[in-house]
Amino acid sequence: MIYNERIMIKMKLTILFIIFIILSGCSEFAILMSGSSLAVSQNAYVKAYNGLDVLTLMSTEKSIKKHIYDEGKKHVQTLTQIVNDK
């Protein structure tokens, strides 16, 4: 039974790698997959965040981190303007 499970895991990984190779022309998808494949975790919070990040990236073409960075940059620029005006 364990031998069959190992074969199934190897087959799944092979199929996954083939899909990655085929879709490597998609830069955002490739970047997303390369980042998530490096940090594999069993933590439910990490899986939930990664799922939300994929949905955010698909709907807005920006990751959650990019949204946070852009909004933070806007707030810093606003605060800088306020400080410089006084």
Protein backbone atom coordinates (compact mmCIF):
# COMPACT_ATOMS: atom_id res chain seq x y z
CA MET A 1 0.00 0.00 0.00
CA ILE A 2 2.81 2.43 0.87
CA TYR A 3 4.53 1.61 -2.43
CA ASN A 4 1.38 2.56 -4.39
CA GLU A 5 1.09 5.83 -2.46
CA ARG A 6 4.68 6.71 -3.31
CA ILE A 7 4.05 6.02 -6.99
CA MET A 8 0.92 8.21 -6.91
CA ILE A 9 2.84 11.05 -5.22
CA LYS A 10 5.60 10.81 -7.85
CA MET A 11 3.01 10.86 -10.63
CA LYS A 12 1.29 13.90 -9.14
CA LEU A 13 4.59 15.74 -8.78
CA THR A 14 5.54 14.87 -12.36
CA ILE A 15 2.24 16.20 -13.65
CA LEU A 16 2.64 19.32 -11.51
CA PHE A 17 6.13 19.98 -12.89
CA ILE A 18 4.91 19.48 -16.45
CA ILE A 19 2.15 22.02 -15.82
CA PHE A 20 4.70 24.47 -14.40
CA ILE A 21 6.92 24.05 -17.45
CA ILE A 22 4.00 24.59 -19.83
CA LEU A 23 2.74 27.66 -17.97
CA SER A 24 6.15 29.22 -17.40
CA GLY A 25 5.41 31.80 -20.12
CA CYS A 26 2.95 33.46 -17.75
CA SER A 27 5.27 35.67 -15.71
CA GLU A 28 2.88 36.42 -12.82
CA PHE A 29 1.83 32.79 -12.54
CA ALA A 30 5.46 31.67 -12.64
CA ILE A 31 6.46 34.17 -9.96
CA LEU A 32 3.50 33.19 -7.81
CA MET A 33 4.19 29.49 -8.10
CA SER A 34 7.92 29.85 -7.52
CA GLY A 35 7.31 31.77 -4.31
CA SER A 36 4.69 29.42 -2.97
CA SER A 37 6.64 26.29 -3.83
CA LEU A 38 9.61 27.48 -1.81
CA ALA A 39 7.64 27.98 1.36
CA VAL A 40 5.54 24.86 1.74
CA SER A 41 3.80 24.84 5.08
CA GLN A 42 1.12 22.80 6.79
CA ASN A 43 -0.10 25.83 8.76
CA ALA A 44 -3.77 26.56 8.06
CA TYR A 45 -3.22 30.32 8.28
CA VAL A 46 -0.48 30.18 5.64
CA LYS A 47 -2.67 28.11 3.34
CA ALA A 48 -5.56 30.56 3.81
CA TYR A 49 -3.30 33.55 3.10
CA ASN A 50 -1.85 31.90 -0.01
CA GLY A 51 -5.37 31.10 -1.24
CA LEU A 52 -6.49 34.68 -0.73
CA ASP A 53 -3.31 35.94 -2.37
CA VAL A 54 -4.00 33.82 -5.47
CA LEU A 55 -7.58 35.11 -5.68
CA THR A 56 -6.41 38.70 -5.19
CA LEU A 57 -3.75 38.30 -7.86
CA MET A 58 -6.22 36.82 -10.32
CA SER A 59 -8.84 39.53 -9.78
CA THR A 60 -6.67 42.65 -9.43
CA GLU A 61 -3.35 41.60 -11.02
CA LYS A 62 -1.57 42.68 -7.81
CA SER A 63 -0.67 40.54 -4.81
CA ILE A 64 -1.72 41.39 -1.27
CA LYS A 65 1.84 42.53 -0.51
CA LYS A 66 1.79 44.87 -3.53
CA HIS A 67 -1.56 46.33 -2.39
CA ILE A 68 -0.15 46.95 1.09
CA TYR A 69 3.02 48.48 -0.34
CA ASP A 70 1.11 50.82 -2.65
CA GLU A 71 -1.28 51.96 0.10
CA GLY A 72 1.61 52.45 2.53
CA LYS A 73 3.47 54.49 -0.05
CA LYS A 74 0.41 56.73 -0.54
CA HIS A 75 0.10 57.27 3.21
CA VAL A 76 3.79 58.12 3.56
CA GLN A 77 3.52 60.63 0.70
CA THR A 78 0.45 62.20 2.31
CA LEU A 79 2.17 62.46 5.70
CA THR A 80 5.27 63.95 4.07
CA GLN A 81 3.13 66.59 2.34
CA ILE A 82 1.36 67.42 5.63
CA VAL A 83 4.67 67.78 7.49
CA ASN A 84 6.23 69.89 4.72
CA ASP A 85 3.17 72.21 4.54
CA LYS A 86 3.40 73.13 8.25
